[in-house]
Amino acid sequence: MIRSSIDFVKEIAVKFFDWDGLKREEDRKF
């Protein structure tokens, strides 16, 4: 099984901040 400690954060970013899922440096910082 695989999980990342950032997965939950990504889910919030997509749901509430309309994050596009890309991993640009500004996204990584966000």
Full PDB file with SEQRES, HELIX, SHEET, SSBOND, CRYST1, ORIGX, SCALE, CONECT and MASTER records, all heavy atoms in Angstrom:
SEQRES   1 A   30  MET ILE ARG SER SER ILE ASP PHE VAL LYS GLU ILE ALA          
SEQRES   2 A   30  VAL LYS PHE PHE ASP TRP ASP GLY LEU LYS ARG GLU GLU          
SEQRES   3 A   30  ASP ARG LYS PHE                                              
HELIX    1 AA1 ASP A    7  PHE A   17  1                                  11    
HELIX    2 AA2 GLU A   25  LYS A   29  1                                   5    
CRYST1    1.000    1.000    1.000  90.00  90.00  90.00 P 1           1          
ORIGX1      1.000000  0.000000  0.000000        0.00000                         
ORIGX2      0.000000  1.000000  0.000000        0.00000                         
ORIGX3      0.000000  0.000000  1.000000        0.00000                         
SCALE1      1.000000  0.000000  0.000000        0.00000                         
SCALE2      0.000000  1.000000  0.000000        0.00000                         
SCALE3      0.000000  0.000000  1.000000        0.00000                         
ATOM      1  N   MET A   1       0.870  -1.178   0.000  1.00  0.00           N  
ATOM      2  CA  MET A   1       0.000   0.000   0.000  1.00  0.00           C  
ATOM      3  C   MET A   1       0.907   1.228   0.000  1.00  0.00           C  
ATOM      4  O   MET A   1       1.971   1.219   0.627  1.00  0.00           O  
ATOM      5  CB  MET A   1      -0.901   0.002   1.242  1.00  0.00           C  
ATOM      6  CG  MET A   1      -1.893  -1.154   1.266  1.00  0.00           C  
ATOM      7  SD  MET A   1      -2.849  -1.227   2.802  1.00  0.00           S  
ATOM      8  CE  MET A   1      -3.880   0.217   2.612  1.00  0.00           C  
ATOM      9  N   ILE A   2       0.472   2.275  -0.701  1.00  0.00           N  
ATOM     10  CA  ILE A   2       1.293   3.477  -0.839  1.00  0.00           C  
ATOM     11  C   ILE A   2       0.467   4.696  -0.448  1.00  0.00           C  
ATOM     12  O   ILE A   2      -0.667   4.865  -0.892  1.00  0.00           O  
ATOM     13  CB  ILE A   2       1.803   3.618  -2.294  1.00  0.00           C  
ATOM     14  CG1 ILE A   2       2.646   2.392  -2.685  1.00  0.00           C  
ATOM     15  CG2 ILE A   2       2.604   4.907  -2.451  1.00  0.00           C  
ATOM     16  CD1 ILE A   2       2.984   2.313  -4.167  1.00  0.00           C  
ATOM     17  N   ARG A   3       1.066   5.544   0.392  1.00  0.00           N  
ATOM     18  CA  ARG A   3       0.429   6.797   0.798  1.00  0.00           C  
ATOM     19  C   ARG A   3       1.530   7.837   0.971  1.00  0.00           C  
ATOM     20  O   ARG A   3       2.651   7.507   1.333  1.00  0.00           O  
ATOM     21  CB  ARG A   3      -0.336   6.614   2.112  1.00  0.00           C  
ATOM     22  CG  ARG A   3      -1.179   7.805   2.531  1.00  0.00           C  
ATOM     23  CD  ARG A   3      -2.399   7.966   1.671  1.00  0.00           C  
ATOM     24  NE  ARG A   3      -3.201   9.113   2.127  1.00  0.00           N  
ATOM     25  CZ  ARG A   3      -4.113   9.681   1.392  1.00  0.00           C  
ATOM     26  NH1 ARG A   3      -4.374   9.227   0.187  1.00  0.00           N  
ATOM     27  NH2 ARG A   3      -4.805  10.695   1.850  1.00  0.00           N  
ATOM     28  N   SER A   4       1.213   9.069   0.721  1.00  0.00           N  
ATOM     29  CA  SER A   4       2.146  10.155   0.960  1.00  0.00           C  
ATOM     30  C   SER A   4       1.569  11.072   2.021  1.00  0.00           C  
ATOM     31  O   SER A   4       0.351  11.250   2.103  1.00  0.00           O  
ATOM     32  CB  SER A   4       2.381  10.949  -0.336  1.00  0.00           C  
ATOM     33  OG  SER A   4       3.183  12.082  -0.071  1.00  0.00           O  
ATOM     34  N   SER A   5       2.436  11.676   2.800  1.00  0.00           N  
ATOM     35  CA  SER A   5       1.961  12.608   3.824  1.00  0.00           C  
ATOM     36  C   SER A   5       1.388  13.875   3.198  1.00  0.00           C  
ATOM     37  O   SER A   5       0.707  14.642   3.866  1.00  0.00           O  
ATOM     38  CB  SER A   5       3.095  12.960   4.792  1.00  0.00           C  
ATOM     39  OG  SER A   5       4.125  13.661   4.125  1.00  0.00           O  
ATOM     40  N   ILE A   6       1.607  14.079   1.916  1.00  0.00           N  
ATOM     41  CA  ILE A   6       1.072  15.252   1.230  1.00  0.00           C  
ATOM     42  C   ILE A   6      -0.239  14.939   0.499  1.00  0.00           C  
ATOM     43  O   ILE A   6      -0.922  15.849   0.026  1.00  0.00           O  
ATOM     44  CB  ILE A   6       2.132  15.840   0.254  1.00  0.00           C  
ATOM     45  CG1 ILE A   6       1.802  17.280  -0.141  1.00  0.00           C  
ATOM     46  CG2 ILE A   6       2.286  14.985  -0.982  1.00  0.00           C  
ATOM     47  CD1 ILE A   6       2.144  18.299   0.875  1.00  0.00           C  
ATOM     48  N   ASP A   7      -0.634  13.679   0.414  1.00  0.00           N  
ATOM     49  CA  ASP A   7      -1.843  13.306  -0.330  1.00  0.00           C  
ATOM     50  C   ASP A   7      -3.083  14.038   0.177  1.00  0.00           C  
ATOM     51  O   ASP A   7      -3.873  14.549  -0.611  1.00  0.00           O  
ATOM     52  CB  ASP A   7      -2.086  11.793  -0.282  1.00  0.00           C  
ATOM     53  CG  ASP A   7      -1.138  11.014  -1.170  1.00  0.00           C  
ATOM     54  OD1 ASP A   7      -0.480  11.624  -2.036  1.00  0.00           O  
ATOM     55  OD2 ASP A   7      -1.047   9.780  -0.993  1.00  0.00           O  
ATOM     56  N   PHE A   8      -3.249  14.084   1.491  1.00  0.00           N  
ATOM     57  CA  PHE A   8      -4.408  14.758   2.067  1.00  0.00           C  
ATOM     58  C   PHE A   8      -4.398  16.247   1.707  1.00  0.00           C  
ATOM     59  O   PHE A   8      -5.425  16.830   1.377  1.00  0.00           O  
ATOM     60  CB  PHE A   8      -4.435  14.555   3.585  1.00  0.00           C  
ATOM     61  CG  PHE A   8      -5.613  15.187   4.259  1.00  0.00           C  
ATOM     62  CD1 PHE A   8      -6.864  14.596   4.204  1.00  0.00           C  
ATOM     63  CD2 PHE A   8      -5.480  16.387   4.944  1.00  0.00           C  
ATOM     64  CE1 PHE A   8      -7.971  15.182   4.820  1.00  0.00           C  
ATOM     65  CE2 PHE A   8      -6.572  16.984   5.564  1.00  0.00           C  
ATOM     66  CZ  PHE A   8      -7.821  16.380   5.492  1.00  0.00           C  
ATOM     67  N   VAL A   9      -3.213  16.845   1.742  1.00  0.00           N  
ATOM     68  CA  VAL A   9      -3.065  18.263   1.406  1.00  0.00           C  
ATOM     69  C   VAL A   9      -3.442  18.493  -0.060  1.00  0.00           C  
ATOM     70  O   VAL A   9      -4.141  19.453  -0.392  1.00  0.00           O  
ATOM     71  CB  VAL A   9      -1.622  18.746   1.684  1.00  0.00           C  
ATOM     72  CG1 VAL A   9      -1.442  20.204   1.283  1.00  0.00           C  
ATOM     73  CG2 VAL A   9      -1.256  18.526   3.140  1.00  0.00           C  
ATOM     74  N   LYS A  10      -3.003  17.598  -0.923  1.00  0.00           N  
ATOM     75  CA  LYS A  10      -3.348  17.710  -2.351  1.00  0.00           C  
ATOM     76  C   LYS A  10      -4.861  17.622  -2.553  1.00  0.00           C  
ATOM     77  O   LYS A  10      -5.420  18.357  -3.372  1.00  0.00           O  
ATOM     78  CB  LYS A  10      -2.651  16.614  -3.154  1.00  0.00           C  
ATOM     79  CG  LYS A  10      -1.167  16.808  -3.309  1.00  0.00           C  
ATOM     80  CD  LYS A  10      -0.583  15.635  -4.081  1.00  0.00           C  
ATOM     81  CE  LYS A  10       0.898  15.766  -4.289  1.00  0.00           C  
ATOM     82  NZ  LYS A  10       1.450  14.592  -4.992  1.00  0.00           N  
ATOM     83  N   GLU A  11      -5.501  16.730  -1.820  1.00  0.00           N  
ATOM     84  CA  GLU A  11      -6.956  16.599  -1.930  1.00  0.00           C  
ATOM     85  C   GLU A  11      -7.655  17.899  -1.540  1.00  0.00           C  
ATOM     86  O   GLU A  11      -8.604  18.333  -2.198  1.00  0.00           O  
ATOM     87  CB  GLU A  11      -7.440  15.429  -1.070  1.00  0.00           C  
ATOM     88  CG  GLU A  11      -6.978  14.074  -1.581  1.00  0.00           C  
ATOM     89  CD  GLU A  11      -7.085  12.956  -0.558  1.00  0.00           C  
ATOM     90  OE1 GLU A  11      -7.715  13.143   0.509  1.00  0.00           O  
ATOM     91  OE2 GLU A  11      -6.521  11.872  -0.818  1.00  0.00           O  
ATOM     92  N   ILE A  12      -7.195  18.538  -0.477  1.00  0.00           N  
ATOM     93  CA  ILE A  12      -7.755  19.823  -0.046  1.00  0.00           C  
ATOM     94  C   ILE A  12      -7.484  20.902  -1.100  1.00  0.00           C  
ATOM     95  O   ILE A  12      -8.360  21.701  -1.428  1.00  0.00           O  
ATOM     96  CB  ILE A  12      -7.174  20.240   1.324  1.00  0.00           C  
ATOM     97  CG1 ILE A  12      -7.701  19.317   2.414  1.00  0.00           C  
ATOM     98  CG2 ILE A  12      -7.506  21.694   1.640  1.00  0.00           C  
ATOM     99  CD1 ILE A  12      -7.049  19.520   3.758  1.00  0.00           C  
ATOM    100  N   ALA A  13      -6.260  20.897  -1.637  1.00  0.00           N  
ATOM    101  CA  ALA A  13      -5.885  21.907  -2.634  1.00  0.00           C  
ATOM    102  C   ALA A  13      -6.759  21.808  -3.882  1.00  0.00           C  
ATOM    103  O   ALA A  13      -7.156  22.826  -4.453  1.00  0.00           O  
ATOM    104  CB  ALA A  13      -4.413  21.762  -2.998  1.00  0.00           C  
ATOM    105  N   VAL A  14      -7.070  20.596  -4.298  1.00  0.00           N  
ATOM    106  CA  VAL A  14      -7.928  20.397  -5.466  1.00  0.00           C  
ATOM    107  C   VAL A  14      -9.359  20.821  -5.150  1.00  0.00           C  
ATOM    108  O   VAL A  14      -9.980  21.573  -5.905  1.00  0.00           O  
ATOM    109  CB  VAL A  14      -7.892  18.921  -5.939  1.00  0.00           C  
ATOM    110  CG1 VAL A  14      -8.986  18.640  -6.953  1.00  0.00           C  
ATOM    111  CG2 VAL A  14      -6.524  18.578  -6.519  1.00  0.00           C  
ATOM    112  N   LYS A  15      -9.867  20.370  -4.014  1.00  0.00           N  
ATOM    113  CA  LYS A  15     -11.273  20.597  -3.669  1.00  0.00           C  
ATOM    114  C   LYS A  15     -11.591  22.057  -3.341  1.00  0.00           C  
ATOM    115  O   LYS A  15     -12.611  22.589  -3.772  1.00  0.00           O  
ATOM    116  CB  LYS A  15     -11.653  19.708  -2.486  1.00  0.00           C  
ATOM    117  CG  LYS A  15     -13.125  19.743  -2.137  1.00  0.00           C  
ATOM    118  CD  LYS A  15     -13.463  18.714  -1.080  1.00  0.00           C  
ATOM    119  CE  LYS A  15     -14.946  18.724  -0.775  1.00  0.00           C  
ATOM    120  NZ  LYS A  15     -15.311  17.695   0.196  1.00  0.00           N  
ATOM    121  N   PHE A  16     -10.707  22.706  -2.590  1.00  0.00           N  
ATOM    122  CA  PHE A  16     -11.024  24.044  -2.093  1.00  0.00           C  
ATOM    123  C   PHE A  16     -10.257  25.183  -2.773  1.00  0.00           C  
ATOM    124  O   PHE A  16     -10.642  26.338  -2.654  1.00  0.00           O  
ATOM    125  CB  PHE A  16     -10.797  24.117  -0.581  1.00  0.00           C  
ATOM    126  CG  PHE A  16     -11.715  23.215   0.186  1.00  0.00           C  
ATOM    127  CD1 PHE A  16     -11.247  22.041   0.753  1.00  0.00           C  
ATOM    128  CD2 PHE A  16     -13.063  23.530   0.327  1.00  0.00           C  
ATOM    129  CE1 PHE A  16     -12.088  21.193   1.459  1.00  0.00           C  
ATOM    130  CE2 PHE A  16     -13.915  22.692   1.025  1.00  0.00           C  
ATOM    131  CZ  PHE A  16     -13.429  21.522   1.594  1.00  0.00           C  
ATOM    132  N   PHE A  17      -9.163  24.862  -3.443  1.00  0.00           N  
ATOM    133  CA  PHE A  17      -8.344  25.920  -4.044  1.00  0.00           C  
ATOM    134  C   PHE A  17      -8.185  25.762  -5.550  1.00  0.00           C  
ATOM    135  O   PHE A  17      -7.373  26.438  -6.157  1.00  0.00           O  
ATOM    136  CB  PHE A  17      -6.963  25.976  -3.371  1.00  0.00           C  
ATOM    137  CG  PHE A  17      -7.037  26.327  -1.915  1.00  0.00           C  
ATOM    138  CD1 PHE A  17      -7.027  25.336  -0.942  1.00  0.00           C  
ATOM    139  CD2 PHE A  17      -7.134  27.649  -1.517  1.00  0.00           C  
ATOM    140  CE1 PHE A  17      -7.105  25.663   0.405  1.00  0.00           C  
ATOM    141  CE2 PHE A  17      -7.210  27.980  -0.170  1.00  0.00           C  
ATOM    142  CZ  PHE A  17      -7.201  26.980   0.792  1.00  0.00           C  
ATOM    143  N   ASP A  18      -8.931  24.816  -6.125  1.00  0.00           N  
ATOM    144  CA  ASP A  18      -8.923  24.604  -7.569  1.00  0.00           C  
ATOM    145  C   ASP A  18      -7.507  24.364  -8.112  1.00  0.00           C  
ATOM    146  O   ASP A  18      -7.174  24.786  -9.217  1.00  0.00           O  
ATOM    147  CB  ASP A  18      -9.582  25.800  -8.281  1.00  0.00           C  
ATOM    148  CG  ASP A  18     -10.061  25.434  -9.666  1.00  0.00           C  
ATOM    149  OD1 ASP A  18     -10.412  24.263  -9.893  1.00  0.00           O  
ATOM    150  OD2 ASP A  18     -10.073  26.328 -10.538  1.00  0.00           O  
ATOM    151  N   TRP A  19      -6.669  23.690  -7.323  1.00  0.00           N  
ATOM    152  CA  TRP A  19      -5.305  23.372  -7.754  1.00  0.00           C  
ATOM    153  C   TRP A  19      -5.375  22.408  -8.928  1.00  0.00           C  
ATOM    154  O   TRP A  19      -6.159  21.461  -8.924  1.00  0.00           O  
ATOM    155  CB  TRP A  19      -4.519  22.782  -6.576  1.00  0.00           C  
ATOM    156  CG  TRP A  19      -3.123  22.369  -6.914  1.00  0.00           C  
ATOM    157  CD1 TRP A  19      -2.139  23.141  -7.459  1.00  0.00           C  
ATOM    158  CD2 TRP A  19      -2.550  21.072  -6.726  1.00  0.00           C  
ATOM    159  NE1 TRP A  19      -0.993  22.414  -7.607  1.00  0.00           N  
ATOM    160  CE2 TRP A  19      -1.220  21.137  -7.167  1.00  0.00           C  
ATOM    161  CE3 TRP A  19      -3.032  19.868  -6.225  1.00  0.00           C  
ATOM    162  CZ2 TRP A  19      -0.360  20.040  -7.122  1.00  0.00           C  
ATOM    163  CZ3 TRP A  19      -2.187  18.780  -6.171  1.00  0.00           C  
ATOM    164  CH2 TRP A  19      -0.857  18.869  -6.617  1.00  0.00           C  
ATOM    165  N   ASP A  20      -4.540  22.625  -9.935  1.00  0.00           N  
ATOM    166  CA  ASP A  20      -4.590  21.823 -11.161  1.00  0.00           C  
ATOM    167  C   ASP A  20      -3.772  20.529 -11.103  1.00  0.00           C  
ATOM    168  O   ASP A  20      -3.721  19.787 -12.078  1.00  0.00           O  
ATOM    169  CB  ASP A  20      -4.154  22.658 -12.366  1.00  0.00           C  
ATOM    170  CG  ASP A  20      -2.736  23.199 -12.241  1.00  0.00           C  
ATOM    171  OD1 ASP A  20      -1.973  22.767 -11.351  1.00  0.00           O  
ATOM    172  OD2 ASP A  20      -2.390  24.091 -13.047  1.00  0.00           O  
ATOM    173  N   GLY A  21      -3.114  20.257  -9.976  1.00  0.00           N  
ATOM    174  CA  GLY A  21      -2.382  19.008  -9.817  1.00  0.00           C  
ATOM    175  C   GLY A  21      -0.976  19.008 -10.368  1.00  0.00           C  
ATOM    176  O   GLY A  21      -0.276  17.999 -10.292  1.00  0.00           O  
ATOM    177  N   LEU A  22      -0.537  20.113 -10.921  1.00  0.00           N  
ATOM    178  CA  LEU A  22       0.819  20.184 -11.460  1.00  0.00           C  
ATOM    179  C   LEU A  22       1.829  20.396 -10.334  1.00  0.00           C  
ATOM    180  O   LEU A  22       1.478  20.845  -9.249  1.00  0.00           O  
ATOM    181  CB  LEU A  22       0.922  21.300 -12.494  1.00  0.00           C  
ATOM    182  CG  LEU A  22       0.049  21.106 -13.743  1.00  0.00           C  
ATOM    183  CD1 LEU A  22       0.178  22.311 -14.670  1.00  0.00           C  
ATOM    184  CD2 LEU A  22       0.424  19.815 -14.467  1.00  0.00           C  
ATOM    185  N   LYS A  23       3.081  20.071 -10.613  1.00  0.00           N  
ATOM    186  CA  LYS A  23       4.122  20.177  -9.588  1.00  0.00           C  
ATOM    187  C   LYS A  23       5.186  21.197  -9.978  1.00  0.00           C  
ATOM    188  O   LYS A  23       6.369  20.907  -9.957  1.00  0.00           O  
ATOM    189  CB  LYS A  23       4.766  18.806  -9.357  1.00  0.00           C  
ATOM    190  CG  LYS A  23       3.856  17.805  -8.711  1.00  0.00           C  
ATOM    191  CD  LYS A  23       4.612  16.520  -8.452  1.00  0.00           C  
ATOM    192  CE  LYS A  23       3.765  15.482  -7.784  1.00  0.00           C  
ATOM    193  NZ  LYS A  23       4.505  14.249  -7.532  1.00  0.00           N  
ATOM    194  N   ARG A  24       4.736  22.391 -10.329  1.00  0.00           N  
ATOM    195  CA  ARG A  24       5.683  23.475 -10.585  1.00  0.00           C  
ATOM    196  C   ARG A  24       6.256  23.911  -9.231  1.00  0.00           C  
ATOM    197  O   ARG A  24       5.699  23.587  -8.188  1.00  0.00           O  
ATOM    198  CB  ARG A  24       4.963  24.640 -11.259  1.00  0.00           C  
ATOM    199  CG  ARG A  24       4.354  24.278 -12.630  1.00  0.00           C  
ATOM    200  CD  ARG A  24       3.409  25.364 -13.088  1.00  0.00           C  
ATOM    201  NE  ARG A  24       2.299  25.483 -12.160  1.00  0.00           N  
ATOM    202  CZ  ARG A  24       1.017  25.313 -12.483  1.00  0.00           C  
ATOM    203  NH1 ARG A  24       0.669  25.021 -13.712  1.00  0.00           N  
ATOM    204  NH2 ARG A  24       0.067  25.449 -11.573  1.00  0.00           N  
ATOM    205  N   GLU A  25       7.336  24.668  -9.272  1.00  0.00           N  
ATOM    206  CA  GLU A  25       7.950  25.082  -8.002  1.00  0.00           C  
ATOM    207  C   GLU A  25       6.990  25.891  -7.140  1.00  0.00           C  
ATOM    208  O   GLU A  25       6.957  25.713  -5.924  1.00  0.00           O  
ATOM    209  CB  GLU A  25       9.256  25.846  -8.256  1.00  0.00           C  
ATOM    210  CG  GLU A  25      10.359  24.901  -8.691  1.00  0.00           C  
ATOM    211  CD  GLU A  25      11.745  25.371  -8.347  1.00  0.00           C  
ATOM    212  OE1 GLU A  25      11.927  26.071  -7.335  1.00  0.00           O  
ATOM    213  OE2 GLU A  25      12.652  25.012  -9.101  1.00  0.00           O  
ATOM    214  N   GLU A  26       6.174  26.745  -7.752  1.00  0.00           N  
ATOM    215  CA  GLU A  26       5.220  27.534  -6.952  1.00  0.00           C  
ATOM    216  C   GLU A  26       4.144  26.633  -6.341  1.00  0.00           C  
ATOM    217  O   GLU A  26       3.657  26.880  -5.237  1.00  0.00           O  
ATOM    218  CB  GLU A  26       4.587  28.670  -7.770  1.00  0.00           C  
ATOM    219  CG  GLU A  26       3.809  28.233  -8.987  1.00  0.00           C  
ATOM    220  CD  GLU A  26       4.598  28.192 -10.284  1.00  0.00           C  
ATOM    221  OE1 GLU A  26       5.843  28.155 -10.258  1.00  0.00           O  
ATOM    222  OE2 GLU A  26       3.949  28.196 -11.346  1.00  0.00           O  
ATOM    223  N   ASP A  27       3.790  25.542  -7.046  1.00  0.00           N  
ATOM    224  CA  ASP A  27       2.825  24.582  -6.499  1.00  0.00           C  
ATOM    225  C   ASP A  27       3.433  23.825  -5.319  1.00  0.00           C  
ATOM    226  O   ASP A  27       2.766  23.593  -4.310  1.00  0.00           O  
ATOM    227  CB  ASP A  27       2.389  23.578  -7.572  1.00  0.00           C  
ATOM    228  CG  ASP A  27       1.706  24.245  -8.743  1.00  0.00           C  
ATOM    229  OD1 ASP A  27       0.758  25.012  -8.509  1.00  0.00           O  
ATOM    230  OD2 ASP A  27       2.132  23.996  -9.888  1.00  0.00           O  
ATOM    231  N   ARG A  28       4.687  23.437  -5.464  1.00  0.00           N  
ATOM    232  CA  ARG A  28       5.380  22.719  -4.390  1.00  0.00           C  
ATOM    233  C   ARG A  28       5.438  23.597  -3.132  1.00  0.00           C  
ATOM    234  O   ARG A  28       5.230  23.118  -2.027  1.00  0.00           O  
ATOM    235  CB  ARG A  28       6.773  22.292  -4.831  1.00  0.00           C  
ATOM    236  CG  ARG A  28       6.772  21.343  -6.032  1.00  0.00           C  
ATOM    237  CD  ARG A  28       8.165  20.899  -6.395  1.00  0.00           C  
ATOM    238  NE  ARG A  28       8.630  19.926  -5.423  1.00  0.00           N  
ATOM    239  CZ  ARG A  28       8.273  18.644  -5.412  1.00  0.00           C  
ATOM    240  NH1 ARG A  28       7.460  18.179  -6.322  1.00  0.00           N  
ATOM    241  NH2 ARG A  28       8.727  17.835  -4.495  1.00  0.00           N  
ATOM    242  N   LYS A  29       5.709  24.893  -3.324  1.00  0.00           N  
ATOM    243  CA  LYS A  29       5.772  25.814  -2.190  1.00  0.00           C  
ATOM    244  C   LYS A  29       4.387  25.988  -1.563  1.00  0.00           C  
ATOM    245  O   LYS A  29       4.243  25.975  -0.343  1.00  0.00           O  
ATOM    246  CB  LYS A  29       6.332  27.167  -2.638  1.00  0.00           C  
ATOM    247  CG  LYS A  29       6.582  28.103  -1.494  1.00  0.00           C  
ATOM    248  CD  LYS A  29       7.332  29.331  -1.931  1.00  0.00           C  
ATOM    249  CE  LYS A  29       7.663  30.149  -0.705  1.00  0.00           C  
ATOM    250  NZ  LYS A  29       8.526  31.253  -0.977  1.00  0.00           N  
ATOM    251  N   PHE A  30       3.357  26.126  -2.391  1.00  0.00           N  
ATOM    252  CA  PHE A  30       1.977  26.243  -1.918  1.00  0.00           C  
ATOM    253  C   PHE A  30       1.596  25.024  -1.082  1.00  0.00           C  
ATOM    254  O   PHE A  30       1.076  25.156   0.035  1.00  0.00           O  
ATOM    255  CB  PHE A  30       1.042  26.401  -3.130  1.00  0.00           C  
ATOM    256  CG  PHE A  30      -0.415  26.195  -2.831  1.00  0.00           C  
ATOM    257  CD1 PHE A  30      -1.124  27.105  -2.062  1.00  0.00           C  
ATOM    258  CD2 PHE A  30      -1.085  25.086  -3.338  1.00  0.00           C  
ATOM    259  CE1 PHE A  30      -2.487  26.918  -1.798  1.00  0.00           C  
ATOM    260  CE2 PHE A  30      -2.433  24.892  -3.081  1.00  0.00           C  
ATOM    261  CZ  PHE A  30      -3.130  25.804  -2.314  1.00  0.00           C  
TER     262      PHE A  30                                                      
MASTER        0    0    0    2    0    0    0    6  261    1    0    3          
END                                                                             
